[in-house]
Amino acid sequence: MFAAAVLFAFALVVALVARWLKARRLRLPPGPPPDPFIGNLRQMAFTNQEQMFESWGKTYVWAGTRFSATCPTASVPEHRRLIQDHFNQQAILAYRPLQRLETCTLLLGLLQKPEAFIRHVRRFSAGTIMKITYGHTVKSMDELYVRLAEDAAHETVSAGSPGSMLVDFFPALKFLPAWMPGAGFKRHALKTRVKVRRMLDIPFKMVQRTMAAGTAIPSFVSDLIIANESDSKHKQYEEEDIKGAAGVLYGAATDTTSALLISFFLAMTLHPDVLRKAQAEIEEKVGPDRLPDFEDRDSLPYVDSIVKEVYRAMTRSEDMYTDPHTFYPERFMNQDSQTAEMTDPKNVVFGFGRRLCPGKFFGDANIWLVVASVLAAFDITKRRNDRGEEIPPLVDYASGFVSNEAAQVPKLDVSNEGLASMKYDAMGPLVVNSDGTVSRITNWPNMTELERERTMKVLIARNKLRLAKQDADDPSSTPLSMAGSAGEASK
């Protein structure tokens, strides 16, 4: 045992010396002076690394310098190619009815249980991408497929940011046996691998089963499986690539979308003047009788500026943005075309070049529609204690692979009477028509409770019949009446 320990220590010293000598030969960017053998390990922060890198950037990097880094793997280009075909600017137009439906379902959830707004936001994020990726309708965050993805994401994120473990600096440590003291990182990695494997395999097998039974709803995964089966001799895609691309889709869309939308709620709670200005713009350009739609985006520049400012809050470059730690949507108003392109945070937060997020256009459209709809439907204010005093919201972002905020629940109130009558009278008055537009039951206010109950039963029954027919005729295009969708989602 002693001989083995000595041999391991000797091998570790050799690896450290070799790493140090190699590092001395590399043309590295300027930074804090490294220590012999261990490099910058002592200076590295294991949490809130973005603050550390911001400070280093001011100290060691001259203005105008740009660096890029890549981590090439064989699977990444293939995953990107599979996703790109389904999420380019033209392809995402087919998803608009689903985005409208899921947005309306989110609004109803916020209206009925505003105290659970984070859960509603997470269900929206999961429901939209799960339907597109696997053809599965998410009715609850407690469903198996959602739990599998949440567990895998939690384990991955809990590992911390790159550079938060010793093995990131000393790769040779990965050869330690999992049972050995100090190898907790490896035990965690093995546990995470099992959960990620389940997240990739189980939903994929669900799609295979429904396809075999003839009940599958067209989806990203089913389309790729069909493409493979069309040529029995030469598969276009490896099964592992399909699983991996589907897993990347879900993982990339849920946590990021949720974090952005919760940050939006927090920003509106802290900046009521921004909220009021956006609502005035919507009132003028859209009016009180409907919700904003995708076609309204160009006529709502201030709402678009709010979305950009939520994105920009992820970047704090003083070279690019004046007073970057202040939430100020007006910075994006009345810009000339060149300045608008240079300062558009979408050019940064969705990645660059070959690492550009292939779901950029879909994700941006999703965020915009929710932000515009929430602004049109709700007032967002600080909560009050028993004495009527405002409770300052907690602004505390947790450090990690995806930085989420520990947000307190804001107070949500319906912002105008027209939308109140459409939404507050439960699911009956708000109906999403077959073309994705929103309308109301005009005689609802004059109905008795019994008549309302009967109307709801008829709407839900009619919706189920229409669903069955549309699934048989064209399963890919089914904007539902809100009566059916919200009723089923709440079960």
Protein backbone atom coordinates (compact mmCIF):
# COMPACT_ATOMS: atom_id res chain seq x y z
CA MET A 1 0.00 0.00 0.00
CA PHE A 2 2.87 2.36 0.93
CA ALA A 3 4.64 1.60 -2.35
CA ALA A 4 1.47 2.36 -4.30
CA ALA A 5 1.07 5.69 -2.50
CA VAL A 6 4.70 6.64 -3.24
CA LEU A 7 4.25 5.68 -6.90
CA PHE A 8 1.10 7.77 -7.16
CA ALA A 9 2.80 10.78 -5.51
CA PHE A 10 5.74 10.50 -7.88
CA ALA A 11 3.44 10.30 -10.92
CA LEU A 12 1.53 13.36 -9.68
CA VAL A 13 4.74 15.38 -9.27
CA VAL A 14 5.89 14.40 -12.78
CA ALA A 15 2.51 15.45 -14.21
CA LEU A 16 2.65 18.80 -12.41
CA VAL A 17 6.18 19.53 -13.60
CA ALA A 18 5.28 18.60 -17.18
CA ARG A 19 2.19 20.81 -17.03
CA TRP A 20 4.20 23.72 -15.66
CA LEU A 21 6.88 23.42 -18.33
CA LYS A 22 4.24 23.23 -21.07
CA ALA A 23 2.41 26.27 -19.71
CA ARG A 24 5.62 28.32 -19.80
CA ARG A 25 5.90 27.65 -23.55
CA LEU A 26 2.31 28.69 -24.35
CA ARG A 27 1.46 32.18 -25.55
CA LEU A 28 -1.19 32.88 -22.95
CA PRO A 29 -3.12 36.14 -22.58
CA PRO A 30 -2.02 38.50 -19.79
CA GLY A 31 -3.21 37.62 -16.32
CA PRO A 32 -2.24 37.36 -12.67
CA PRO A 33 1.24 35.88 -12.11
CA PRO A 34 0.99 32.08 -11.78
CA ASP A 35 2.63 30.05 -9.04
CA PRO A 36 5.09 27.28 -9.92
CA PHE A 37 3.43 23.94 -10.65
CA ILE A 38 -0.11 24.95 -9.58
CA GLY A 39 -0.50 27.95 -11.92
CA ASN A 40 -3.34 30.30 -10.93
CA LEU A 41 -5.10 27.83 -8.66
CA ARG A 42 -4.77 30.05 -5.59
CA GLN A 43 -6.25 33.08 -7.35
CA MET A 44 -9.23 31.24 -8.84
CA ALA A 45 -12.63 31.80 -7.24
CA PHE A 46 -14.83 28.71 -7.05
CA THR A 47 -18.05 30.79 -6.94
CA ASN A 48 -19.12 33.97 -8.75
CA GLN A 49 -16.31 33.53 -11.24
CA GLU A 50 -17.87 36.09 -13.58
CA GLN A 51 -17.03 38.81 -11.05
CA MET A 52 -13.46 37.61 -10.82
CA PHE A 53 -13.03 37.55 -14.61
CA GLU A 54 -14.56 41.01 -14.90
CA SER A 55 -12.00 42.32 -12.42
CA TRP A 56 -9.13 40.56 -14.21
CA GLY A 57 -10.33 41.95 -17.54
CA LYS A 58 -10.04 45.51 -16.24
CA THR A 59 -6.60 44.86 -14.76
CA TYR A 60 -4.84 42.72 -17.35
CA VAL A 61 -6.59 42.99 -20.73
CA TRP A 62 -6.19 46.08 -22.88
CA ALA A 63 -9.21 47.68 -24.52
CA GLY A 64 -10.32 46.14 -27.79
CA THR A 65 -8.75 42.73 -27.14
CA ARG A 66 -10.92 39.73 -27.99
CA PHE A 67 -10.21 36.09 -27.16
CA SER A 68 -11.96 32.93 -28.26
CA ALA A 69 -11.82 29.42 -26.89
CA THR A 70 -13.13 26.13 -28.18
CA CYS A 71 -13.64 22.70 -26.73
CA PRO A 72 -13.99 20.49 -29.81
CA THR A 73 -15.74 17.14 -29.61
CA ALA A 74 -16.86 14.84 -32.39
CA SER A 75 -20.53 15.06 -31.41
CA VAL A 76 -20.99 18.83 -31.14
CA PRO A 77 -21.00 19.60 -34.91
CA GLU A 78 -23.47 16.77 -35.56
CA HIS A 79 -25.81 17.93 -32.79
CA ARG A 80 -25.67 21.48 -34.13
CA ARG A 81 -26.48 20.32 -37.66
CA LEU A 82 -29.51 18.34 -36.51
CA ILE A 83 -30.87 21.23 -34.46
CA GLN A 84 -30.13 23.94 -37.03
CA ASP A 85 -32.39 22.38 -39.66
CA HIS A 86 -35.38 22.54 -37.29
CA PHE A 87 -34.74 25.97 -35.73
CA ASN A 88 -33.67 28.32 -38.50
CA GLN A 89 -35.60 31.56 -39.02
CA GLN A 90 -38.04 30.02 -41.46
CA ALA A 91 -38.59 26.72 -39.65
CA ILE A 92 -39.58 28.35 -36.35
CA LEU A 93 -42.67 29.96 -37.92
CA ALA A 94 -44.36 26.56 -37.62
CA TYR A 95 -44.00 26.73 -33.83
CA ARG A 96 -45.88 30.00 -33.38
CA PRO A 97 -49.31 28.46 -32.60
CA LEU A 98 -47.69 26.37 -29.86
CA GLN A 99 -45.85 29.41 -28.47
CA ARG A 100 -49.12 31.37 -28.35
CA LEU A 101 -50.87 28.52 -26.61
CA GLU A 102 -48.17 28.00 -24.01
CA THR A 103 -47.98 31.75 -23.36
CA CYS A 104 -51.74 31.92 -22.72
CA THR A 105 -51.50 28.90 -20.42
CA LEU A 106 -48.73 30.68 -18.51
CA LEU A 107 -50.90 33.81 -18.14
CA LEU A 108 -53.79 31.79 -16.77
CA GLY A 109 -51.50 30.04 -14.30
CA LEU A 110 -50.12 33.37 -13.13
CA LEU A 111 -53.64 34.68 -12.70
CA GLN A 112 -54.92 31.71 -10.73
CA LYS A 113 -51.85 31.11 -8.54
CA PRO A 114 -49.49 34.11 -8.72
CA GLU A 115 -47.62 32.92 -5.64
CA ALA A 116 -46.34 29.97 -7.70
CA PHE A 117 -45.01 32.16 -10.51
CA ILE A 118 -41.60 30.45 -10.65
CA ARG A 119 -43.26 27.08 -11.06
CA HIS A 120 -45.49 28.48 -13.83
CA VAL A 121 -42.47 29.91 -15.63
CA ARG A 122 -40.60 26.61 -15.38
CA ARG A 123 -43.64 24.69 -16.68
CA PHE A 124 -43.83 27.08 -19.62
CA SER A 125 -40.14 26.58 -20.43
CA ALA A 126 -40.40 22.81 -20.14
CA GLY A 127 -43.77 22.49 -21.89
CA THR A 128 -42.83 24.40 -25.02
CA ILE A 129 -39.58 22.60 -25.77
CA MET A 130 -40.84 19.16 -24.64
CA LYS A 131 -43.71 19.36 -27.12
CA ILE A 132 -41.38 20.32 -29.96
CA THR A 133 -38.63 17.85 -29.09
CA TYR A 134 -40.62 14.75 -28.11
CA GLY A 135 -44.24 15.58 -29.03
CA HIS A 136 -45.22 15.28 -25.37
CA THR A 137 -47.60 17.71 -23.66
CA VAL A 138 -46.39 18.74 -20.20
CA LYS A 139 -49.30 19.08 -17.79
CA SER A 140 -47.32 19.18 -14.56
CA MET A 141 -43.75 19.70 -13.41
CA ASP A 142 -44.11 16.42 -11.50
CA GLU A 143 -44.24 14.32 -14.67
CA LEU A 144 -41.61 11.63 -15.18
CA TYR A 145 -39.99 13.17 -18.26
CA VAL A 146 -39.73 16.59 -16.64
CA ARG A 147 -38.33 15.13 -13.41
CA LEU A 148 -35.70 13.20 -15.38
CA ALA A 149 -34.55 16.38 -17.11
CA GLU A 150 -34.68 18.44 -13.90
CA ASP A 151 -32.63 15.85 -12.01
CA ALA A 152 -30.00 15.66 -14.75
CA ALA A 153 -29.81 19.45 -14.98
CA HIS A 154 -29.56 19.81 -11.20
CA GLU A 155 -26.68 17.34 -10.95
CA THR A 156 -24.86 18.97 -13.87
CA VAL A 157 -25.27 22.50 -12.52
CA SER A 158 -24.39 21.50 -8.95
CA ALA A 159 -20.96 20.43 -10.20
CA GLY A 160 -20.20 24.13 -10.50
CA SER A 161 -18.68 26.26 -13.20
CA PRO A 162 -15.62 25.09 -15.15
CA GLY A 163 -12.61 25.54 -12.92
CA SER A 164 -14.49 24.95 -9.68
CA MET A 165 -12.90 21.53 -9.03
CA LEU A 166 -9.29 20.45 -8.71
CA VAL A 167 -9.67 17.96 -11.55
CA ASP A 168 -10.20 20.91 -13.91
CA PHE A 169 -6.63 22.00 -13.15
CA PHE A 170 -5.07 18.57 -12.75
CA PRO A 171 -6.69 16.27 -15.36
CA ALA A 172 -4.63 13.32 -14.15
CA LEU A 173 -6.88 13.18 -11.07
CA LYS A 174 -9.64 11.71 -13.24
CA PHE A 175 -7.81 8.37 -13.03
CA LEU A 176 -8.32 8.18 -9.26
CA PRO A 177 -10.62 5.32 -8.17
CA ALA A 178 -14.06 6.60 -7.20
CA TRP A 179 -13.77 5.04 -3.72
CA MET A 180 -10.57 6.91 -2.89
CA PRO A 181 -10.69 9.83 -0.41
CA GLY A 182 -10.63 13.12 -2.30
CA ALA A 183 -12.32 11.61 -5.36
CA GLY A 184 -15.76 13.02 -4.53
CA PHE A 185 -15.77 14.80 -7.88
CA LYS A 186 -15.62 11.43 -9.62
CA ARG A 187 -18.46 9.96 -7.56
CA HIS A 188 -20.52 13.00 -8.41
CA ALA A 189 -19.64 12.63 -12.12
CA LEU A 190 -20.68 8.96 -12.13
CA LYS A 191 -23.98 9.83 -10.44
CA THR A 192 -24.59 12.61 -12.96
CA ARG A 193 -23.78 10.33 -15.88
CA VAL A 194 -26.49 7.87 -14.79
CA LYS A 195 -29.09 10.65 -14.56
CA VAL A 196 -28.11 12.18 -17.89
CA ARG A 197 -28.28 8.74 -19.50
CA ARG A 198 -31.83 8.26 -18.20
CA MET A 199 -32.83 11.72 -19.45
CA LEU A 200 -31.59 10.82 -22.95
CA ASP A 201 -32.92 7.26 -23.14
CA ILE A 202 -36.37 7.27 -21.53
CA PRO A 203 -38.08 10.06 -23.55
CA PHE A 204 -36.50 8.68 -26.73
CA LYS A 205 -38.01 5.25 -26.04
CA MET A 206 -41.37 6.92 -25.37
CA VAL A 207 -41.30 8.39 -28.88
CA GLN A 208 -40.38 5.00 -30.32
CA ARG A 209 -43.31 3.36 -28.51
CA THR A 210 -45.85 5.93 -29.66
CA MET A 211 -44.55 5.67 -33.23
CA ALA A 212 -44.93 1.90 -33.13
CA ALA A 213 -48.48 2.32 -31.82
CA GLY A 214 -49.29 4.91 -34.50
CA THR A 215 -50.11 7.59 -31.92
CA ALA A 216 -46.95 9.70 -32.09
CA ILE A 217 -47.27 13.46 -32.53
CA PRO A 218 -44.68 14.77 -35.03
CA SER A 219 -41.63 16.08 -33.23
CA PHE A 220 -37.93 16.72 -33.60
CA VAL A 221 -37.09 13.17 -32.52
CA SER A 222 -39.78 11.41 -34.58
CA ASP A 223 -38.76 13.33 -37.71
CA LEU A 224 -35.17 12.14 -37.34
CA ILE A 225 -36.25 8.54 -36.65
CA ILE A 226 -38.43 8.59 -39.77
CA ALA A 227 -35.52 9.98 -41.80
CA ASN A 228 -33.39 7.07 -40.61
CA GLU A 229 -36.04 4.48 -41.44
CA SER A 230 -36.51 5.85 -44.95
CA ASP A 231 -33.19 4.29 -45.96
CA SER A 232 -32.78 0.82 -44.47
CA LYS A 233 -29.23 0.41 -45.78
CA HIS A 234 -27.67 3.70 -44.67
CA LYS A 235 -28.81 5.49 -41.56
CA GLN A 236 -28.60 9.25 -41.89
CA TYR A 237 -28.14 9.76 -38.16
CA GLU A 238 -26.69 7.70 -35.36
CA GLU A 239 -29.20 6.99 -32.59
CA GLU A 240 -26.87 8.46 -29.99
CA ASP A 241 -26.65 11.68 -31.99
CA ILE A 242 -30.46 11.96 -32.07
CA LYS A 243 -30.64 11.38 -28.32
CA GLY A 244 -27.83 13.82 -27.68
CA ALA A 245 -29.29 16.56 -29.86
CA ALA A 246 -32.70 16.14 -28.19
CA GLY A 247 -31.12 16.30 -24.76
CA VAL A 248 -29.19 19.44 -25.73
CA LEU A 249 -32.42 21.04 -26.97
CA TYR A 250 -34.24 20.45 -23.70
CA GLY A 251 -31.32 21.28 -21.44
CA ALA A 252 -30.40 24.46 -23.30
CA ALA A 253 -33.95 25.81 -23.49
CA THR A 254 -35.37 25.25 -20.01
CA ASP A 255 -33.00 26.70 -17.42
CA THR A 256 -31.95 29.61 -19.62
CA THR A 257 -35.54 30.59 -20.49
CA SER A 258 -36.64 30.32 -16.87
CA ALA A 259 -33.69 32.38 -15.60
CA LEU A 260 -34.36 35.13 -18.14
CA LEU A 261 -38.10 35.34 -17.43
CA ILE A 262 -37.65 35.35 -13.66
CA SER A 263 -35.06 38.10 -14.09
CA PHE A 264 -37.65 40.02 -16.10
CA PHE A 265 -40.19 39.76 -13.26
CA LEU A 266 -37.54 40.92 -10.82
CA ALA A 267 -36.61 43.89 -13.03
CA MET A 268 -40.24 44.98 -13.37
CA THR A 269 -40.69 44.73 -9.60
CA LEU A 270 -37.70 46.99 -9.06
CA HIS A 271 -38.47 49.43 -11.89
CA PRO A 272 -42.21 50.29 -11.97
CA ASP A 273 -41.52 53.28 -14.22
CA VAL A 274 -40.26 50.91 -16.93
CA LEU A 275 -43.37 48.75 -16.50
CA ARG A 276 -45.72 51.72 -16.85
CA LYS A 277 -43.94 53.04 -19.94
CA ALA A 278 -44.15 49.63 -21.64
CA GLN A 279 -47.84 49.26 -20.76
CA ALA A 280 -48.57 52.70 -22.22
CA GLU A 281 -46.86 51.67 -25.47
CA ILE A 282 -48.89 48.45 -25.67
CA GLU A 283 -52.11 50.31 -24.90
CA GLU A 284 -51.41 52.77 -27.73
CA LYS A 285 -50.15 50.34 -30.39
CA VAL A 286 -52.09 47.14 -29.62
CA GLY A 287 -55.10 48.32 -27.65
CA PRO A 288 -56.92 46.76 -24.71
CA ASP A 289 -58.90 44.05 -26.52
CA ARG A 290 -56.18 41.57 -27.41
CA LEU A 291 -52.74 40.39 -26.42
CA PRO A 292 -49.60 41.40 -28.34
CA ASP A 293 -48.57 39.00 -31.08
CA PHE A 294 -45.39 38.35 -33.04
CA GLU A 295 -46.43 40.77 -35.79
CA ASP A 296 -46.56 43.60 -33.22
CA ARG A 297 -42.87 43.45 -32.34
CA ASP A 298 -41.71 46.17 -34.74
CA SER A 299 -44.38 48.55 -33.44
CA LEU A 300 -43.36 48.01 -29.80
CA PRO A 301 -39.75 49.27 -29.67
CA TYR A 302 -39.77 49.95 -25.92
CA VAL A 303 -40.99 46.44 -25.11
CA ASP A 304 -38.24 45.12 -27.38
CA SER A 305 -35.75 47.31 -25.51
CA ILE A 306 -36.83 45.73 -22.22
CA VAL A 307 -36.11 42.28 -23.66
CA LYS A 308 -32.71 43.49 -24.85
CA GLU A 309 -31.92 44.98 -21.45
CA VAL A 310 -32.77 41.69 -19.71
CA TYR A 311 -30.32 40.00 -22.09
CA ARG A 312 -27.74 42.74 -21.57
CA ALA A 313 -27.85 42.28 -17.81
CA MET A 314 -25.72 39.19 -18.45
CA THR A 315 -22.97 41.42 -19.82
CA ARG A 316 -21.30 44.21 -17.84
CA SER A 317 -18.82 45.60 -20.35
CA GLU A 318 -18.11 49.25 -19.60
CA ASP A 319 -16.46 49.54 -23.02
CA MET A 320 -19.76 48.72 -24.71
CA TYR A 321 -22.45 49.98 -22.33
CA THR A 322 -22.61 53.13 -20.22
CA ASP A 323 -23.38 52.40 -16.56
CA PRO A 324 -23.71 48.64 -17.20
CA HIS A 325 -24.91 47.81 -13.68
CA THR A 326 -28.08 49.89 -14.12
CA PHE A 327 -31.26 48.48 -15.68
CA TYR A 328 -31.98 51.06 -18.39
CA PRO A 329 -33.94 49.93 -21.51
CA GLU A 330 -33.76 53.45 -22.97
CA ARG A 331 -30.14 52.78 -23.93
CA PHE A 332 -31.48 50.82 -26.95
CA MET A 333 -34.00 53.43 -28.11
CA ASN A 334 -33.49 55.73 -31.10
CA GLN A 335 -30.19 54.16 -32.17
CA ASP A 336 -28.84 54.36 -35.70
CA SER A 337 -28.56 51.02 -37.50
CA GLN A 338 -24.80 50.64 -36.96
CA THR A 339 -24.97 51.35 -33.24
CA ALA A 340 -28.01 49.11 -32.85
CA GLU A 341 -26.14 46.22 -34.45
CA MET A 342 -22.97 46.80 -32.39
CA THR A 343 -24.77 46.99 -29.05
CA ASP A 344 -27.47 44.34 -29.61
CA PRO A 345 -26.90 41.90 -26.72
CA LYS A 346 -28.38 39.05 -28.77
CA ASN A 347 -25.09 39.07 -30.66
CA VAL A 348 -23.36 38.13 -27.40
CA VAL A 349 -25.66 36.15 -25.14
CA PHE A 350 -26.52 33.53 -27.78
CA GLY A 351 -22.86 32.86 -28.58
CA PHE A 352 -20.59 33.53 -31.53
CA GLY A 353 -19.62 32.00 -34.86
CA ARG A 354 -19.52 28.22 -34.81
CA ARG A 355 -20.71 28.27 -31.22
CA LEU A 356 -23.82 30.34 -32.00
CA CYS A 357 -26.87 28.87 -30.28
CA PRO A 358 -28.88 27.12 -33.05
CA GLY A 359 -32.10 27.87 -31.14
CA LYS A 360 -31.42 31.63 -31.01
CA PHE A 361 -34.41 32.75 -33.11
CA PHE A 362 -36.87 30.42 -31.40
CA GLY A 363 -35.67 31.31 -27.90
CA ASP A 364 -35.75 35.04 -28.59
CA ALA A 365 -39.29 34.86 -30.01
CA ASN A 366 -40.42 32.84 -26.98
CA ILE A 367 -39.01 35.38 -24.52
CA TRP A 368 -40.44 38.36 -26.39
CA LEU A 369 -43.98 36.96 -26.59
CA VAL A 370 -44.10 36.18 -22.86
CA VAL A 371 -42.65 39.55 -21.86
CA ALA A 372 -45.08 41.48 -24.08
CA SER A 373 -48.07 39.40 -22.94
CA VAL A 374 -47.25 39.72 -19.23
CA LEU A 375 -46.78 43.48 -19.60
CA ALA A 376 -50.18 43.72 -21.31
CA ALA A 377 -51.97 41.58 -18.74
CA PHE A 378 -50.47 42.31 -15.33
CA ASP A 379 -49.23 44.98 -12.99
CA ILE A 380 -46.11 43.73 -11.18
CA THR A 381 -45.40 45.35 -7.82
CA LYS A 382 -43.61 44.67 -4.55
CA ARG A 383 -45.44 42.62 -1.97
CA ARG A 384 -46.51 44.22 1.31
CA ASN A 385 -46.30 43.00 4.89
CA ASP A 386 -49.14 42.98 7.44
CA ARG A 387 -48.55 46.69 8.13
CA GLY A 388 -48.91 47.60 4.47
CA GLU A 389 -45.20 48.31 4.03
CA GLU A 390 -43.47 47.28 0.79
CA ILE A 391 -41.13 44.32 1.07
CA PRO A 392 -37.91 44.94 -0.93
CA PRO A 393 -37.34 41.98 -3.26
CA LEU A 394 -34.33 39.80 -2.61
CA VAL A 395 -31.74 40.21 -5.36
CA ASP A 396 -29.38 37.28 -4.87
CA TYR A 397 -28.17 35.35 -7.89
CA ALA A 398 -26.86 31.89 -7.10
CA SER A 399 -23.49 31.10 -8.63
CA GLY A 400 -23.34 28.20 -11.02
CA PHE A 401 -23.34 26.91 -14.61
CA VAL A 402 -26.69 28.71 -15.03
CA SER A 403 -27.00 31.63 -12.64
CA ASN A 404 -30.50 31.70 -11.16
CA GLU A 405 -31.82 34.34 -8.82
CA ALA A 406 -33.30 33.68 -5.42
CA ALA A 407 -36.34 35.79 -6.29
CA GLN A 408 -39.19 36.63 -3.96
CA VAL A 409 -42.71 36.37 -5.32
CA PRO A 410 -43.89 39.69 -6.78
CA LYS A 411 -47.48 40.86 -6.52
CA LEU A 412 -49.36 40.31 -9.80
CA ASP A 413 -52.57 42.19 -10.55
CA VAL A 414 -54.57 42.29 -13.77
CA SER A 415 -53.66 45.61 -15.40
CA ASN A 416 -56.81 46.49 -17.38
CA GLU A 417 -60.48 45.65 -17.28
CA GLY A 418 -60.65 44.30 -20.81
CA LEU A 419 -58.03 41.67 -20.17
CA ALA A 420 -59.42 41.06 -16.70
CA SER A 421 -62.76 40.02 -18.14
CA MET A 422 -61.00 37.77 -20.62
CA LYS A 423 -58.82 36.01 -18.07
CA TYR A 424 -60.17 36.41 -14.61
CA ASP A 425 -63.48 34.71 -15.31
CA ALA A 426 -61.48 31.49 -15.45
CA MET A 427 -60.83 29.46 -18.55
CA GLY A 428 -64.14 29.89 -20.30
CA PRO A 429 -63.87 33.49 -21.54
CA LEU A 430 -60.36 33.12 -23.00
CA VAL A 431 -60.29 31.04 -26.17
CA VAL A 432 -57.35 30.51 -28.50
CA ASN A 433 -58.85 30.14 -31.98
CA SER A 434 -57.62 27.76 -34.67
CA ASP A 435 -55.50 30.53 -36.20
CA GLY A 436 -53.81 31.26 -32.86
CA THR A 437 -55.69 34.52 -32.17
CA VAL A 438 -57.37 35.20 -28.83
CA SER A 439 -61.09 35.95 -28.49
CA ARG A 440 -63.66 36.02 -25.73
CA ILE A 441 -67.13 34.63 -24.99
CA THR A 442 -69.15 37.81 -25.37
CA ASN A 443 -72.18 36.82 -23.29
CA TRP A 444 -70.15 35.37 -20.39
CA PRO A 445 -70.92 38.25 -17.96
CA ASN A 446 -74.66 37.65 -18.41
CA MET A 447 -74.55 33.91 -17.79
CA THR A 448 -75.66 32.27 -14.57
CA GLU A 449 -73.23 30.01 -12.73
CA LEU A 450 -75.07 26.96 -14.07
CA GLU A 451 -74.86 28.27 -17.64
CA ARG A 452 -71.15 28.96 -17.19
CA GLU A 453 -70.58 25.44 -15.90
CA ARG A 454 -72.42 23.93 -18.86
CA THR A 455 -70.52 26.16 -21.29
CA MET A 456 -67.22 25.00 -19.82
CA LYS A 457 -68.19 21.34 -20.20
CA VAL A 458 -69.19 21.92 -23.82
CA LEU A 459 -65.94 23.79 -24.57
CA ILE A 460 -63.77 21.08 -23.04
CA ALA A 461 -65.67 18.27 -24.76
CA ARG A 462 -65.56 20.09 -28.10
CA ASN A 463 -61.87 20.73 -27.64
CA LYS A 464 -61.14 17.06 -26.98
CA LEU A 465 -63.01 16.05 -30.13
CA ARG A 466 -61.12 18.63 -32.16
CA LEU A 467 -57.83 17.45 -30.68
CA ALA A 468 -58.56 13.86 -31.64
CA LYS A 469 -59.50 14.89 -35.17
CA GLN A 470 -56.49 17.15 -35.62
CA ASP A 471 -54.13 14.52 -34.25
CA ALA A 472 -55.46 12.14 -36.88
CA ASP A 473 -55.38 14.66 -39.74
CA ASP A 474 -52.37 16.85 -38.95
CA PRO A 475 -50.93 16.32 -35.46
CA SER A 476 -48.36 19.10 -35.83
CA SER A 477 -50.76 22.05 -35.86
CA THR A 478 -53.18 22.24 -32.93
CA PRO A 479 -53.74 25.58 -31.22
CA LEU A 480 -56.17 24.62 -28.47
CA SER A 481 -59.01 26.48 -26.89
CA MET A 482 -57.77 27.73 -23.56
CA ALA A 483 -60.68 26.00 -21.90
CA GLY A 484 -59.31 22.62 -22.91
CA SER A 485 -55.62 23.29 -22.48
CA ALA A 486 -55.74 25.05 -19.15
CA GLY A 487 -58.32 22.65 -17.80
CA GLU A 488 -56.19 19.66 -18.65
CA ALA A 489 -52.99 21.35 -17.45
CA SER A 490 -54.45 21.96 -14.02
CA LYS A 491 -55.41 18.36 -13.40
